[in-house]
Amino acid sequence: MTKAENPTATEALSFECDLPDPPEKVWRALTEPELLAAWMMPNDIKTEAGNHFTFAGPDTPIECEVLEAEPGKLLRYSWRERPSASDADGLPAFGSIVTFTLARTAFGGTHLSIVHDGFVPVAEPVLAVAGAGCGLSLYARKSPTAANAPSMMLRAA
């Protein structure tokens, strides 16, 4: 969902980097449940448009739906996170869209673009805390990994 489609959405979080690994290997790290779990969270992803899957969040599951999947090139899915029952702040659920774009570099590696957008305004403070100290952490609660250094995720691929 873009800002034009949802005027209450905040600015997108976006990161780009060049990885030495080919797009096929990066794609595997983004789409094979065991490999994705190694750098993000346990999940049951299946990369067919319309497929619903979940990430096992630390408090509650994160509900997702694959919106687009073009192997080795593009992965886009919705992300709906609900607060846990014990959430003292009483924050409402928020939804967003995560897009990974992969392009082969001249040297056979991958130019990876990650865009996370469509956040409802109430989610901004949560995101600011999650990214404190490193711009954005893909999963700060378990093993901090800067999103602009995703080469760590490829060790499992």
C-alpha atoms as a PDB file:
ATOM      1  CA  MET A   1       0.000   0.000   0.000  1.00  0.00           C
ATOM      2  CA  THR A   2       1.487   3.320  -1.009  1.00  0.00           C
ATOM      3  CA  LYS A   3       1.050   6.734   0.568  1.00  0.00           C
ATOM      4  CA  ALA A   4      -1.266   7.642  -2.347  1.00  0.00           C
ATOM      5  CA  GLU A   5      -3.442   4.576  -1.628  1.00  0.00           C
ATOM      6  CA  ASN A   6      -3.442   5.234   2.112  1.00  0.00           C
ATOM      7  CA  PRO A   7      -2.920   8.894   3.047  1.00  0.00           C
ATOM      8  CA  THR A   8      -2.528   7.943   6.740  1.00  0.00           C
ATOM      9  CA  ALA A   9       0.485   5.740   5.961  1.00  0.00           C
ATOM     10  CA  THR A  10       3.906   6.843   7.158  1.00  0.00           C
ATOM     11  CA  GLU A  11       7.053   7.051   5.068  1.00  0.00           C
ATOM     12  CA  ALA A  12       8.579   3.813   3.864  1.00  0.00           C
ATOM     13  CA  LEU A  13      11.635   2.233   5.444  1.00  0.00           C
ATOM     14  CA  SER A  14      13.967   1.278   2.624  1.00  0.00           C
ATOM     15  CA  PHE A  15      17.420  -0.233   2.383  1.00  0.00           C
ATOM     16  CA  GLU A  16      19.659  -1.240  -0.493  1.00  0.00           C
ATOM     17  CA  CYS A  17      22.846  -3.229  -0.591  1.00  0.00           C
ATOM     18  CA  ASP A  18      25.021  -5.268  -2.921  1.00  0.00           C
ATOM     19  CA  LEU A  19      25.698  -8.852  -1.951  1.00  0.00           C
ATOM     20  CA  PRO A  20      28.376 -11.104  -3.454  1.00  0.00           C
ATOM     21  CA  ASP A  21      25.938 -14.030  -3.703  1.00  0.00           C
ATOM     22  CA  PRO A  22      23.804 -14.626  -6.825  1.00  0.00           C
ATOM     23  CA  PRO A  23      20.061 -13.801  -6.788  1.00  0.00           C
ATOM     24  CA  GLU A  24      19.186 -17.508  -6.652  1.00  0.00           C
ATOM     25  CA  LYS A  25      20.936 -17.891  -3.301  1.00  0.00           C
ATOM     26  CA  VAL A  26      19.434 -14.694  -1.890  1.00  0.00           C
ATOM     27  CA  TRP A  27      15.982 -15.836  -3.086  1.00  0.00           C
ATOM     28  CA  ARG A  28      16.411 -19.093  -1.168  1.00  0.00           C
ATOM     29  CA  ALA A  29      17.279 -17.162   2.006  1.00  0.00           C
ATOM     30  CA  LEU A  30      14.067 -15.152   1.590  1.00  0.00           C
ATOM     31  CA  THR A  31      11.714 -17.986   0.660  1.00  0.00           C
ATOM     32  CA  GLU A  32      12.754 -21.288   2.213  1.00  0.00           C
ATOM     33  CA  PRO A  33      11.188 -21.529   5.685  1.00  0.00           C
ATOM     34  CA  GLU A  34      14.265 -22.998   7.411  1.00  0.00           C
ATOM     35  CA  LEU A  35      16.655 -20.461   5.875  1.00  0.00           C
ATOM     36  CA  LEU A  36      14.333 -17.503   6.493  1.00  0.00           C
ATOM     37  CA  ALA A  37      13.898 -18.639  10.108  1.00  0.00           C
ATOM     38  CA  ALA A  38      17.679 -18.650  10.591  1.00  0.00           C
ATOM     39  CA  TRP A  39      17.879 -14.868  10.202  1.00  0.00           C
ATOM     40  CA  MET A  40      14.343 -13.708  10.929  1.00  0.00           C
ATOM     41  CA  MET A  41      11.673 -15.822  12.681  1.00  0.00           C
ATOM     42  CA  PRO A  42      10.173 -19.298  12.387  1.00  0.00           C
ATOM     43  CA  ASN A  43       7.603 -19.289   9.575  1.00  0.00           C
ATOM     44  CA  ASP A  44       5.591 -21.375   7.155  1.00  0.00           C
ATOM     45  CA  ILE A  45       6.138 -19.310   3.997  1.00  0.00           C
ATOM     46  CA  LYS A  46       5.129 -20.654   0.593  1.00  0.00           C
ATOM     47  CA  THR A  47       5.841 -18.203  -2.174  1.00  0.00           C
ATOM     48  CA  GLU A  48       2.746 -18.373  -4.341  1.00  0.00           C
ATOM     49  CA  ALA A  49       0.600 -15.254  -4.760  1.00  0.00           C
ATOM     50  CA  GLY A  50      -2.428 -15.438  -2.471  1.00  0.00           C
ATOM     51  CA  ASN A  51      -0.768 -17.828  -0.006  1.00  0.00           C
ATOM     52  CA  HIS A  52      -1.210 -16.954   3.665  1.00  0.00           C
ATOM     53  CA  PHE A  53       1.623 -17.664   6.101  1.00  0.00           C
ATOM     54  CA  THR A  54       2.750 -16.626   9.554  1.00  0.00           C
ATOM     55  CA  PHE A  55       5.932 -15.652  11.313  1.00  0.00           C
ATOM     56  CA  ALA A  56       6.127 -16.896  14.893  1.00  0.00           C
ATOM     57  CA  GLY A  57       6.525 -13.505  16.543  1.00  0.00           C
ATOM     58  CA  PRO A  58       7.863 -13.296  20.097  1.00  0.00           C
ATOM     59  CA  ASP A  59       4.413 -12.524  21.548  1.00  0.00           C
ATOM     60  CA  THR A  60       1.830 -13.207  18.842  1.00  0.00           C
ATOM     61  CA  PRO A  61       1.958 -14.579  15.294  1.00  0.00           C
ATOM     62  CA  ILE A  62       2.530 -12.119  12.459  1.00  0.00           C
ATOM     63  CA  GLU A  63       0.009 -12.806   9.712  1.00  0.00           C
ATOM     64  CA  CYS A  64       1.185 -12.410   6.119  1.00  0.00           C
ATOM     65  CA  GLU A  65      -0.070 -12.942   2.585  1.00  0.00           C
ATOM     66  CA  VAL A  66       2.109 -13.271  -0.493  1.00  0.00           C
ATOM     67  CA  LEU A  67       1.021 -10.513  -2.867  1.00  0.00           C
ATOM     68  CA  GLU A  68       3.621 -11.050  -5.617  1.00  0.00           C
ATOM     69  CA  ALA A  69       6.385 -13.567  -6.152  1.00  0.00           C
ATOM     70  CA  GLU A  70       8.706 -13.676  -9.139  1.00  0.00           C
ATOM     71  CA  PRO A  71      11.481 -16.166  -8.317  1.00  0.00           C
ATOM     72  CA  GLY A  72      14.901 -14.555  -8.103  1.00  0.00           C
ATOM     73  CA  LYS A  73      13.493 -11.072  -8.708  1.00  0.00           C
ATOM     74  CA  LEU A  74      10.586  -9.931  -6.521  1.00  0.00           C
ATOM     75  CA  LEU A  75       8.840 -10.928  -3.309  1.00  0.00           C
ATOM     76  CA  ARG A  76       6.072  -8.778  -1.806  1.00  0.00           C
ATOM     77  CA  TYR A  77       3.876  -9.702   1.119  1.00  0.00           C
ATOM     78  CA  SER A  78       1.509  -8.088   3.565  1.00  0.00           C
ATOM     79  CA  TRP A  79       2.509  -7.977   7.234  1.00  0.00           C
ATOM     80  CA  ARG A  80      -0.144  -7.756   9.952  1.00  0.00           C
ATOM     81  CA  GLU A  81       1.061  -7.641  13.510  1.00  0.00           C
ATOM     82  CA  ARG A  82      -1.368  -7.709  16.403  1.00  0.00           C
ATOM     83  CA  PRO A  83      -0.439  -6.692  19.942  1.00  0.00           C
ATOM     84  CA  SER A  84      -0.265  -9.428  22.540  1.00  0.00           C
ATOM     85  CA  ALA A  85      -2.997  -9.737  25.156  1.00  0.00           C
ATOM     86  CA  SER A  86      -0.509  -8.568  27.790  1.00  0.00           C
ATOM     87  CA  ASP A  87       0.519  -5.453  25.835  1.00  0.00           C
ATOM     88  CA  ALA A  88       0.490  -2.745  28.498  1.00  0.00           C
ATOM     89  CA  ASP A  89       0.449   0.083  25.938  1.00  0.00           C
ATOM     90  CA  GLY A  90      -2.736  -1.173  24.292  1.00  0.00           C
ATOM     91  CA  LEU A  91      -1.433  -0.476  20.809  1.00  0.00           C
ATOM     92  CA  PRO A  92      -3.765  -1.577  18.011  1.00  0.00           C
ATOM     93  CA  ALA A  93      -2.791  -3.981  15.265  1.00  0.00           C
ATOM     94  CA  PHE A  94      -0.914  -2.521  12.344  1.00  0.00           C
ATOM     95  CA  GLY A  95      -0.468  -3.638   8.800  1.00  0.00           C
ATOM     96  CA  SER A  96       2.196  -2.944   6.224  1.00  0.00           C
ATOM     97  CA  ILE A  97       3.785  -4.285   3.050  1.00  0.00           C
ATOM     98  CA  VAL A  98       7.287  -5.757   2.736  1.00  0.00           C
ATOM     99  CA  THR A  99       8.938  -5.821  -0.708  1.00  0.00           C
ATOM    100  CA  PHE A 100      12.236  -7.476  -1.619  1.00  0.00           C
ATOM    101  CA  THR A 101      13.610  -6.696  -5.089  1.00  0.00           C
ATOM    102  CA  LEU A 102      16.634  -8.617  -6.366  1.00  0.00           C
ATOM    103  CA  ALA A 103      18.745  -7.752  -9.418  1.00  0.00           C
ATOM    104  CA  ARG A 104      21.885  -9.465 -10.668  1.00  0.00           C
ATOM    105  CA  THR A 105      24.948  -7.216 -10.515  1.00  0.00           C
ATOM    106  CA  ALA A 106      27.615  -7.009 -13.224  1.00  0.00           C
ATOM    107  CA  PHE A 107      29.828  -9.266 -11.077  1.00  0.00           C
ATOM    108  CA  GLY A 108      27.189 -11.981 -10.583  1.00  0.00           C
ATOM    109  CA  GLY A 109      26.098 -10.872  -7.131  1.00  0.00           C
ATOM    110  CA  THR A 110      22.779  -9.390  -6.073  1.00  0.00           C
ATOM    111  CA  HIS A 111      21.588  -5.839  -5.636  1.00  0.00           C
ATOM    112  CA  LEU A 112      18.943  -6.216  -2.909  1.00  0.00           C
ATOM    113  CA  SER A 113      16.318  -3.593  -2.159  1.00  0.00           C
ATOM    114  CA  ILE A 114      14.089  -3.950   0.909  1.00  0.00           C
ATOM    115  CA  VAL A 115      11.099  -1.649   1.306  1.00  0.00           C
ATOM    116  CA  HIS A 116       8.715  -1.845   4.250  1.00  0.00           C
ATOM    117  CA  ASP A 117       5.852   0.607   3.885  1.00  0.00           C
ATOM    118  CA  GLY A 118       2.162   1.301   4.440  1.00  0.00           C
ATOM    119  CA  PHE A 119       2.436   1.608   8.233  1.00  0.00           C
ATOM    120  CA  VAL A 120      -0.444   3.147  10.121  1.00  0.00           C
ATOM    121  CA  PRO A 121       0.754   6.210  12.089  1.00  0.00           C
ATOM    122  CA  VAL A 122       0.397   4.571  15.524  1.00  0.00           C
ATOM    123  CA  ALA A 123       3.137   2.077  14.582  1.00  0.00           C
ATOM    124  CA  GLU A 124       5.833   4.750  14.247  1.00  0.00           C
ATOM    125  CA  PRO A 125       7.011   4.730  17.897  1.00  0.00           C
ATOM    126  CA  VAL A 126       7.291   0.939  17.862  1.00  0.00           C
ATOM    127  CA  LEU A 127       9.420   1.064  14.722  1.00  0.00           C
ATOM    128  CA  ALA A 128      11.639   3.799  16.089  1.00  0.00           C
ATOM    129  CA  VAL A 129      12.431   1.696  19.150  1.00  0.00           C
ATOM    130  CA  ALA A 130      13.006  -1.459  17.121  1.00  0.00           C
ATOM    131  CA  GLY A 131      15.537   0.310  14.918  1.00  0.00           C
ATOM    132  CA  ALA A 132      17.371   2.215  17.630  1.00  0.00           C
ATOM    133  CA  GLY A 133      21.115   2.091  17.219  1.00  0.00           C
ATOM    134  CA  CYS A 134      21.365   0.511  13.784  1.00  0.00           C
ATOM    135  CA  GLY A 135      18.823   2.128  11.465  1.00  0.00           C
ATOM    136  CA  LEU A 136      16.586  -0.938  11.440  1.00  0.00           C
ATOM    137  CA  SER A 137      16.977  -4.386  12.827  1.00  0.00           C
ATOM    138  CA  LEU A 138      15.340  -7.266  10.999  1.00  0.00           C
ATOM    139  CA  TYR A 139      14.703  -9.001  14.312  1.00  0.00           C
ATOM    140  CA  ALA A 140      16.156  -6.993  17.165  1.00  0.00           C
ATOM    141  CA  ARG A 141      14.691  -9.149  19.935  1.00  0.00           C
ATOM    142  CA  LYS A 142      16.672 -12.274  19.135  1.00  0.00           C
ATOM    143  CA  SER A 143      19.803 -11.644  17.094  1.00  0.00           C
ATOM    144  CA  PRO A 144      20.381  -8.083  15.909  1.00  0.00           C
ATOM    145  CA  THR A 145      21.136  -7.913  12.199  1.00  0.00           C
ATOM    146  CA  ALA A 146      21.314  -4.584  10.430  1.00  0.00           C
ATOM    147  CA  ALA A 147      19.060  -4.613   7.389  1.00  0.00           C
ATOM    148  CA  ASN A 148      21.757  -2.906   5.364  1.00  0.00           C
ATOM    149  CA  ALA A 149      24.085  -5.847   6.043  1.00  0.00           C
ATOM    150  CA  PRO A 150      21.974  -8.872   5.089  1.00  0.00           C
ATOM    151  CA  SER A 151      25.018 -10.952   4.214  1.00  0.00           C
ATOM    152  CA  MET A 152      24.588 -12.547   7.659  1.00  0.00           C
ATOM    153  CA  MET A 153      21.336 -14.110   6.487  1.00  0.00           C
ATOM    154  CA  LEU A 154      23.082 -15.800   3.598  1.00  0.00           C
ATOM    155  CA  ARG A 155      25.297 -17.923   5.810  1.00  0.00           C
ATOM    156  CA  ALA A 156      22.356 -20.269   6.199  1.00  0.00           C
ATOM    157  CA  ALA A 157      21.555 -20.328   2.475  1.00  0.00           C
END
